[in-house]
N, C-alpha and C. Protein backbone atom coordinates (compact mmCIF):
# COMPACT_ATOMS: atom_id res chain seq x y z
N UNK A 1 -7.89 -7.94 -1.80
CA UNK A 1 -8.35 -7.31 -0.58
C UNK A 1 -8.92 -8.36 0.36
N UNK A 2 -9.70 -9.28 -0.18
CA UNK A 2 -10.27 -10.33 0.66
C UNK A 2 -9.19 -11.21 1.27
N UNK A 3 -8.16 -11.54 0.47
CA UNK A 3 -7.07 -12.37 0.98
C UNK A 3 -6.32 -11.64 2.09
N UNK A 4 -6.16 -10.35 1.98
CA UNK A 4 -5.50 -9.55 3.00
C UNK A 4 -6.30 -9.63 4.31
N UNK A 5 -7.61 -9.47 4.22
CA UNK A 5 -8.47 -9.54 5.41
C UNK A 5 -8.42 -10.92 6.04
N UNK A 6 -8.42 -11.96 5.21
CA UNK A 6 -8.36 -13.33 5.73
C UNK A 6 -7.05 -13.57 6.46
N UNK A 7 -5.95 -13.07 5.90
CA UNK A 7 -4.64 -13.23 6.56
C UNK A 7 -4.63 -12.53 7.91
N UNK A 8 -5.22 -11.35 8.00
CA UNK A 8 -5.32 -10.65 9.29
C UNK A 8 -6.12 -11.48 10.28
N UNK A 9 -7.26 -12.03 9.84
CA UNK A 9 -8.09 -12.87 10.71
C UNK A 9 -7.34 -14.10 11.19
N UNK A 10 -6.60 -14.73 10.28
CA UNK A 10 -5.81 -15.91 10.63
C UNK A 10 -4.80 -15.58 11.73
N UNK A 11 -4.24 -14.40 11.68
CA UNK A 11 -3.27 -13.97 12.69
C UNK A 11 -3.93 -13.43 13.96
N UNK A 12 -5.23 -13.22 13.89
CA UNK A 12 -5.95 -12.71 15.05
C UNK A 12 -5.69 -11.24 15.32
N UNK A 13 -5.41 -10.48 14.26
CA UNK A 13 -5.18 -9.05 14.43
C UNK A 13 -6.21 -8.26 13.62
N UNK A 14 -6.44 -7.04 14.05
CA UNK A 14 -7.42 -6.22 13.35
C UNK A 14 -6.74 -5.40 12.26
N UNK A 15 -7.55 -4.81 11.42
CA UNK A 15 -7.06 -3.96 10.34
C UNK A 15 -6.25 -2.82 10.98
N UNK A 16 -5.02 -2.57 10.50
CA UNK A 16 -4.16 -1.58 11.15
C UNK A 16 -4.47 -0.12 10.80
N UNK A 17 -5.59 0.11 10.18
CA UNK A 17 -5.97 1.47 9.81
C UNK A 17 -7.27 1.42 9.04
N UNK A 18 -7.61 2.53 8.44
CA UNK A 18 -8.84 2.62 7.66
C UNK A 18 -8.62 2.04 6.27
N UNK A 19 -9.40 1.04 5.91
CA UNK A 19 -9.31 0.40 4.61
C UNK A 19 -10.26 1.10 3.65
N UNK A 20 -9.76 1.41 2.46
CA UNK A 20 -10.57 2.06 1.44
C UNK A 20 -10.28 1.42 0.10
N UNK A 21 -11.31 0.86 -0.52
CA UNK A 21 -11.15 0.30 -1.87
C UNK A 21 -10.97 1.46 -2.83
N UNK A 22 -9.98 1.36 -3.69
CA UNK A 22 -9.77 2.44 -4.66
C UNK A 22 -9.86 1.94 -6.09
N UNK A 23 -10.21 0.68 -6.29
CA UNK A 23 -10.41 0.17 -7.64
C UNK A 23 -9.11 0.01 -8.39
N UNK A 24 -8.60 1.10 -8.92
CA UNK A 24 -7.31 1.11 -9.62
C UNK A 24 -6.38 2.06 -8.89
N UNK A 25 -5.12 1.73 -8.89
CA UNK A 25 -4.15 2.63 -8.29
C UNK A 25 -3.08 2.85 -9.34
N UNK A 26 -3.19 3.91 -10.09
CA UNK A 26 -2.37 4.15 -11.27
C UNK A 26 -0.87 4.14 -10.98
N UNK A 27 -0.45 4.67 -9.83
CA UNK A 27 0.97 4.71 -9.54
C UNK A 27 1.59 3.32 -9.47
N UNK A 28 0.76 2.32 -9.24
CA UNK A 28 1.27 0.96 -9.12
C UNK A 28 1.33 0.25 -10.47
N UNK A 29 0.93 0.91 -11.52
CA UNK A 29 0.82 0.23 -12.81
C UNK A 29 2.07 0.45 -13.64
N UNK A 30 3.14 -0.20 -13.24
CA UNK A 30 4.36 -0.14 -14.02
C UNK A 30 4.11 -0.78 -15.37
N UNK A 31 4.82 -0.32 -16.36
CA UNK A 31 4.67 -0.88 -17.69
C UNK A 31 5.35 -2.24 -17.73
N UNK A 32 4.79 -3.24 -18.34
CA UNK A 32 3.44 -3.24 -18.90
C UNK A 32 2.42 -3.57 -17.82
N UNK A 33 1.25 -3.04 -17.96
CA UNK A 33 0.22 -3.31 -16.96
C UNK A 33 -0.89 -4.18 -17.51
N UNK A 34 -0.69 -4.76 -18.67
CA UNK A 34 -1.73 -5.58 -19.27
C UNK A 34 -2.56 -4.75 -20.23
N UNK A 35 -3.39 -5.43 -21.01
CA UNK A 35 -4.24 -4.68 -21.94
C UNK A 35 -5.41 -4.05 -21.19
N UNK A 36 -6.17 -3.24 -21.88
CA UNK A 36 -7.25 -2.50 -21.22
C UNK A 36 -8.31 -3.44 -20.64
N UNK A 37 -8.59 -4.57 -21.30
CA UNK A 37 -9.56 -5.52 -20.75
C UNK A 37 -9.09 -6.08 -19.41
N UNK A 38 -7.81 -6.38 -19.33
CA UNK A 38 -7.24 -6.90 -18.08
C UNK A 38 -7.39 -5.86 -16.97
N UNK A 39 -7.00 -4.63 -17.25
CA UNK A 39 -7.05 -3.58 -16.24
C UNK A 39 -8.48 -3.33 -15.78
N UNK A 40 -9.42 -3.25 -16.71
CA UNK A 40 -10.82 -2.99 -16.37
C UNK A 40 -11.41 -4.14 -15.57
N UNK A 41 -11.11 -5.37 -15.94
CA UNK A 41 -11.66 -6.51 -15.21
C UNK A 41 -11.11 -6.58 -13.80
N UNK A 42 -9.84 -6.20 -13.61
CA UNK A 42 -9.26 -6.25 -12.27
C UNK A 42 -9.86 -5.22 -11.34
N UNK A 43 -10.35 -4.14 -11.90
CA UNK A 43 -10.97 -3.10 -11.09
C UNK A 43 -12.12 -3.68 -10.26
N UNK A 44 -12.87 -4.61 -10.82
CA UNK A 44 -14.01 -5.20 -10.10
C UNK A 44 -13.67 -6.53 -9.45
N UNK A 45 -12.83 -7.35 -10.09
CA UNK A 45 -12.51 -8.68 -9.55
C UNK A 45 -11.56 -8.62 -8.36
N UNK A 46 -10.55 -7.80 -8.43
CA UNK A 46 -9.51 -7.74 -7.40
C UNK A 46 -9.05 -6.29 -7.27
N UNK A 47 -9.89 -5.44 -6.67
CA UNK A 47 -9.58 -4.01 -6.65
C UNK A 47 -8.38 -3.66 -5.79
N UNK A 48 -7.73 -2.59 -6.16
CA UNK A 48 -6.67 -2.03 -5.34
C UNK A 48 -7.30 -1.41 -4.09
N UNK A 49 -6.50 -1.26 -3.05
CA UNK A 49 -7.03 -0.66 -1.83
C UNK A 49 -5.91 0.04 -1.07
N UNK A 50 -6.32 0.92 -0.19
CA UNK A 50 -5.38 1.62 0.68
C UNK A 50 -5.74 1.33 2.12
N UNK A 51 -4.73 1.41 2.97
CA UNK A 51 -4.93 1.33 4.41
C UNK A 51 -4.21 2.54 4.98
N UNK A 52 -4.96 3.38 5.67
CA UNK A 52 -4.41 4.61 6.22
C UNK A 52 -4.43 4.54 7.74
N UNK A 53 -3.25 4.72 8.33
CA UNK A 53 -3.11 4.74 9.79
C UNK A 53 -2.98 6.20 10.24
N UNK A 54 -2.42 6.42 11.40
CA UNK A 54 -2.37 7.76 11.98
C UNK A 54 -1.52 8.72 11.15
N UNK A 55 -0.33 8.28 10.72
CA UNK A 55 0.55 9.17 9.97
C UNK A 55 1.02 8.59 8.63
N UNK A 56 0.70 7.33 8.38
CA UNK A 56 1.21 6.65 7.19
C UNK A 56 0.10 5.92 6.47
N UNK A 57 0.39 5.59 5.20
CA UNK A 57 -0.57 4.80 4.44
C UNK A 57 0.15 3.86 3.49
N UNK A 58 -0.57 2.81 3.11
CA UNK A 58 -0.06 1.82 2.17
C UNK A 58 -1.15 1.58 1.12
N UNK A 59 -0.75 1.55 -0.14
CA UNK A 59 -1.66 1.18 -1.23
C UNK A 59 -1.19 -0.16 -1.78
N UNK A 60 -2.13 -1.06 -2.02
CA UNK A 60 -1.81 -2.40 -2.53
C UNK A 60 -2.68 -2.72 -3.73
N UNK A 61 -2.08 -3.39 -4.71
CA UNK A 61 -2.83 -3.81 -5.89
C UNK A 61 -2.17 -5.06 -6.46
N UNK A 62 -3.00 -5.98 -6.93
CA UNK A 62 -2.48 -7.14 -7.65
C UNK A 62 -2.61 -6.82 -9.14
N UNK A 63 -1.48 -6.78 -9.80
CA UNK A 63 -1.44 -6.46 -11.22
C UNK A 63 -0.54 -7.48 -11.89
N UNK A 64 -1.07 -8.14 -12.92
CA UNK A 64 -0.33 -9.19 -13.62
C UNK A 64 0.24 -10.21 -12.64
N UNK A 65 -0.57 -10.60 -11.68
CA UNK A 65 -0.22 -11.60 -10.66
C UNK A 65 0.91 -11.17 -9.74
N UNK A 66 1.20 -9.89 -9.68
CA UNK A 66 2.16 -9.35 -8.72
C UNK A 66 1.39 -8.57 -7.66
N UNK A 67 1.88 -8.62 -6.44
CA UNK A 67 1.29 -7.80 -5.38
C UNK A 67 2.18 -6.56 -5.27
N UNK A 68 1.72 -5.48 -5.86
CA UNK A 68 2.48 -4.24 -5.90
C UNK A 68 2.00 -3.31 -4.79
N UNK A 69 2.95 -2.50 -4.28
CA UNK A 69 2.55 -1.59 -3.21
C UNK A 69 3.29 -0.27 -3.29
N UNK A 70 2.69 0.70 -2.61
CA UNK A 70 3.29 2.01 -2.40
C UNK A 70 3.06 2.30 -0.92
N UNK A 71 4.10 2.72 -0.22
CA UNK A 71 3.99 3.04 1.20
C UNK A 71 4.68 4.37 1.46
N UNK A 72 4.03 5.24 2.25
CA UNK A 72 4.59 6.57 2.51
C UNK A 72 3.82 7.24 3.64
N UNK A 73 4.38 8.35 4.14
CA UNK A 73 3.60 9.16 5.08
C UNK A 73 2.38 9.73 4.35
N UNK A 74 1.36 10.07 5.11
CA UNK A 74 0.18 10.74 4.53
C UNK A 74 0.66 12.05 3.91
N UNK A 75 0.24 12.35 2.69
CA UNK A 75 0.68 13.60 2.05
C UNK A 75 0.19 14.83 2.81
N UNK A 76 1.10 15.75 3.07
CA UNK A 76 0.73 16.96 3.79
C UNK A 76 -0.35 17.72 3.04
N UNK A 77 -1.38 18.12 3.75
CA UNK A 77 -2.45 18.91 3.18
C UNK A 77 -3.55 18.13 2.48
N UNK A 78 -3.34 16.83 2.26
CA UNK A 78 -4.31 16.05 1.48
C UNK A 78 -5.60 15.75 2.23
N UNK A 79 -5.54 15.25 3.47
CA UNK A 79 -6.81 14.91 4.15
C UNK A 79 -7.55 16.15 4.65
N UNK A 80 -8.86 16.02 4.79
CA UNK A 80 -9.67 17.17 5.23
C UNK A 80 -9.29 17.63 6.63
N UNK A 81 -8.89 16.72 7.51
CA UNK A 81 -8.52 17.11 8.88
C UNK A 81 -7.26 17.97 8.92
N UNK A 82 -6.52 17.99 7.83
CA UNK A 82 -5.29 18.79 7.80
C UNK A 82 -5.61 20.27 7.98
N UNK A 83 -6.67 20.71 7.32
CA UNK A 83 -7.00 22.13 7.30
C UNK A 83 -8.09 22.51 8.29
N UNK A 84 -8.84 21.54 8.78
CA UNK A 84 -10.00 21.85 9.62
C UNK A 84 -9.62 22.28 11.04
N UNK A 85 -8.41 21.94 11.47
CA UNK A 85 -8.01 22.26 12.84
C UNK A 85 -8.50 21.25 13.85
N UNK A 86 -9.18 20.20 13.39
CA UNK A 86 -9.75 19.21 14.32
C UNK A 86 -8.71 18.31 14.96
N UNK A 87 -7.53 18.17 14.34
CA UNK A 87 -6.53 17.25 14.89
C UNK A 87 -5.11 17.79 14.68
N UNK A 88 -4.77 18.85 15.40
CA UNK A 88 -3.43 19.45 15.22
C UNK A 88 -2.30 18.50 15.61
N UNK A 89 -2.55 17.59 16.56
CA UNK A 89 -1.52 16.63 16.95
C UNK A 89 -1.19 15.68 15.80
N UNK A 90 -2.20 15.29 15.05
CA UNK A 90 -1.98 14.39 13.92
C UNK A 90 -1.23 15.11 12.80
N UNK A 91 -1.58 16.36 12.56
CA UNK A 91 -0.87 17.16 11.56
C UNK A 91 0.61 17.24 11.95
N UNK A 92 0.89 17.52 13.21
CA UNK A 92 2.27 17.61 13.69
C UNK A 92 2.99 16.27 13.54
N UNK A 93 2.28 15.18 13.82
CA UNK A 93 2.88 13.84 13.70
C UNK A 93 3.23 13.53 12.25
N UNK A 94 2.36 13.88 11.33
CA UNK A 94 2.64 13.65 9.91
C UNK A 94 3.84 14.49 9.48
N UNK A 95 3.90 15.71 9.92
CA UNK A 95 5.03 16.59 9.56
C UNK A 95 6.35 16.05 10.12
N UNK A 96 6.29 15.32 11.22
CA UNK A 96 7.49 14.76 11.84
C UNK A 96 7.99 13.50 11.14
N UNK A 97 7.17 12.91 10.29
CA UNK A 97 7.57 11.70 9.56
C UNK A 97 8.70 12.01 8.59
N UNK A 98 9.59 11.05 8.41
CA UNK A 98 10.63 11.18 7.39
C UNK A 98 9.98 11.20 6.02
N UNK A 99 10.50 11.99 5.12
CA UNK A 99 9.94 12.10 3.77
C UNK A 99 10.49 10.96 2.91
N UNK A 100 10.03 9.75 3.20
CA UNK A 100 10.49 8.56 2.50
C UNK A 100 9.29 7.76 2.02
N UNK A 101 9.46 7.12 0.89
CA UNK A 101 8.41 6.25 0.38
C UNK A 101 9.06 5.02 -0.23
N UNK A 102 8.25 4.01 -0.48
CA UNK A 102 8.76 2.80 -1.12
C UNK A 102 7.71 2.26 -2.08
N UNK A 103 8.18 1.85 -3.25
CA UNK A 103 7.35 1.18 -4.24
C UNK A 103 8.05 -0.13 -4.55
N UNK A 104 7.32 -1.24 -4.43
CA UNK A 104 7.95 -2.53 -4.69
C UNK A 104 6.88 -3.60 -4.87
N UNK A 105 7.34 -4.84 -4.89
CA UNK A 105 6.48 -6.00 -5.12
C UNK A 105 6.70 -6.99 -3.98
N UNK A 106 5.62 -7.58 -3.50
CA UNK A 106 5.70 -8.65 -2.51
C UNK A 106 5.54 -9.99 -3.21
N UNK A 107 6.10 -11.04 -2.60
CA UNK A 107 5.95 -12.39 -3.13
C UNK A 107 4.64 -13.05 -2.70
N UNK A 108 4.04 -12.56 -1.61
CA UNK A 108 2.83 -13.21 -1.10
C UNK A 108 1.97 -12.23 -0.31
N UNK A 109 0.73 -12.63 -0.11
CA UNK A 109 -0.18 -11.82 0.72
C UNK A 109 0.33 -11.79 2.16
N UNK A 110 0.88 -12.89 2.63
CA UNK A 110 1.43 -12.94 3.98
C UNK A 110 2.51 -11.87 4.17
N UNK A 111 3.40 -11.74 3.18
CA UNK A 111 4.44 -10.70 3.25
C UNK A 111 3.82 -9.31 3.22
N UNK A 112 2.78 -9.12 2.41
CA UNK A 112 2.11 -7.82 2.35
C UNK A 112 1.52 -7.45 3.70
N UNK A 113 0.92 -8.42 4.37
CA UNK A 113 0.33 -8.16 5.68
C UNK A 113 1.42 -7.85 6.71
N UNK A 114 2.48 -8.65 6.73
CA UNK A 114 3.57 -8.42 7.69
C UNK A 114 4.17 -7.04 7.50
N UNK A 115 4.46 -6.68 6.26
CA UNK A 115 5.02 -5.36 5.97
C UNK A 115 4.06 -4.26 6.42
N UNK A 116 2.80 -4.37 6.03
CA UNK A 116 1.82 -3.33 6.34
C UNK A 116 1.66 -3.14 7.84
N UNK A 117 1.56 -4.23 8.57
CA UNK A 117 1.44 -4.13 10.03
C UNK A 117 2.65 -3.42 10.63
N UNK A 118 3.84 -3.78 10.17
CA UNK A 118 5.07 -3.17 10.70
C UNK A 118 5.18 -1.70 10.32
N UNK A 119 4.98 -1.41 9.05
CA UNK A 119 5.14 -0.04 8.58
C UNK A 119 4.11 0.90 9.22
N UNK A 120 2.86 0.49 9.25
CA UNK A 120 1.84 1.36 9.82
C UNK A 120 1.96 1.50 11.34
N UNK A 121 2.70 0.58 11.97
CA UNK A 121 2.95 0.69 13.41
C UNK A 121 4.15 1.60 13.70
N UNK A 122 4.83 2.08 12.65
CA UNK A 122 5.90 3.04 12.85
C UNK A 122 7.30 2.57 12.52
N UNK A 123 7.46 1.33 12.09
CA UNK A 123 8.80 0.82 11.77
C UNK A 123 9.37 1.53 10.54
N UNK A 124 10.66 1.87 10.57
CA UNK A 124 11.29 2.42 9.37
C UNK A 124 11.45 1.32 8.32
N UNK A 125 11.51 1.71 7.06
CA UNK A 125 11.61 0.72 5.98
C UNK A 125 12.76 -0.26 6.21
N UNK A 126 13.91 0.23 6.59
CA UNK A 126 15.08 -0.63 6.76
C UNK A 126 14.97 -1.65 7.87
N UNK A 127 14.04 -1.44 8.79
CA UNK A 127 13.87 -2.37 9.91
C UNK A 127 12.84 -3.46 9.63
N UNK A 128 12.16 -3.36 8.51
CA UNK A 128 11.11 -4.34 8.20
C UNK A 128 11.73 -5.48 7.41
N UNK A 129 11.75 -6.65 8.01
CA UNK A 129 12.41 -7.82 7.42
C UNK A 129 11.47 -8.62 6.53
N UNK A 130 10.97 -7.97 5.52
CA UNK A 130 10.12 -8.61 4.51
C UNK A 130 10.79 -8.36 3.17
N UNK A 131 10.92 -9.42 2.39
CA UNK A 131 11.53 -9.29 1.06
C UNK A 131 10.63 -8.44 0.18
N UNK A 132 11.23 -7.42 -0.43
CA UNK A 132 10.52 -6.58 -1.40
C UNK A 132 11.35 -6.56 -2.67
N UNK A 133 10.67 -6.68 -3.79
CA UNK A 133 11.32 -6.72 -5.08
C UNK A 133 11.13 -5.37 -5.75
N UNK A 134 12.23 -4.72 -6.08
CA UNK A 134 12.14 -3.42 -6.74
C UNK A 134 11.66 -3.60 -8.17
N UNK A 135 10.74 -2.76 -8.62
CA UNK A 135 10.30 -2.86 -10.01
C UNK A 135 11.43 -2.44 -10.94
N UNK A 136 11.52 -3.11 -12.08
CA UNK A 136 12.53 -2.74 -13.06
C UNK A 136 12.05 -3.17 -14.44
N UNK A 137 12.47 -2.46 -15.44
CA UNK A 137 12.07 -2.79 -16.82
C UNK A 137 12.52 -4.18 -17.20
N UNK A 138 13.69 -4.60 -16.72
CA UNK A 138 14.22 -5.92 -17.08
C UNK A 138 13.33 -7.06 -16.56
N UNK A 139 12.61 -6.80 -15.50
CA UNK A 139 11.71 -7.83 -14.94
C UNK A 139 10.64 -8.24 -15.94
N UNK A 140 10.27 -7.33 -16.84
CA UNK A 140 9.16 -7.58 -17.76
C UNK A 140 9.60 -7.88 -19.17
N UNK A 141 10.91 -7.94 -19.39
CA UNK A 141 11.39 -8.28 -20.72
C UNK A 141 11.26 -9.78 -20.97
N UNK A 142 10.79 -10.10 -22.15
CA UNK A 142 10.62 -11.51 -22.49
C UNK A 142 11.96 -12.09 -22.91
N UNK A 143 12.23 -13.29 -22.43
CA UNK A 143 13.50 -13.96 -22.76
C UNK A 143 13.48 -14.53 -24.14
């Protein structure tokens, strides 16, 4: 999380949404995710976090030295403003989003920042020119 903030500062841009530390992000923990000591220590040393923009969000976590992410529209009905009536335009904007998500791995924090800035600004996945590595069981098999 700190490296992400530093990269934003280096570029002279602000956080593209609301940042929230979430400690662990289970959906990002593809097998193997390390032993329990590893997982527990990472919760405090290098916590996972989310960045939520107007209609989309990205979750990022470093697990086993990989920068893993999940990116998608905000889930319908999940935030409190969905039901309160306080922001009907935002509800409509979320409903207008394509029902697409992506789970993958970045090679660097710089790539994570570039992707996040583009995606949260409204770019479709296919238009974001950042290398993403699809998770696969073969990636974790020992040779």
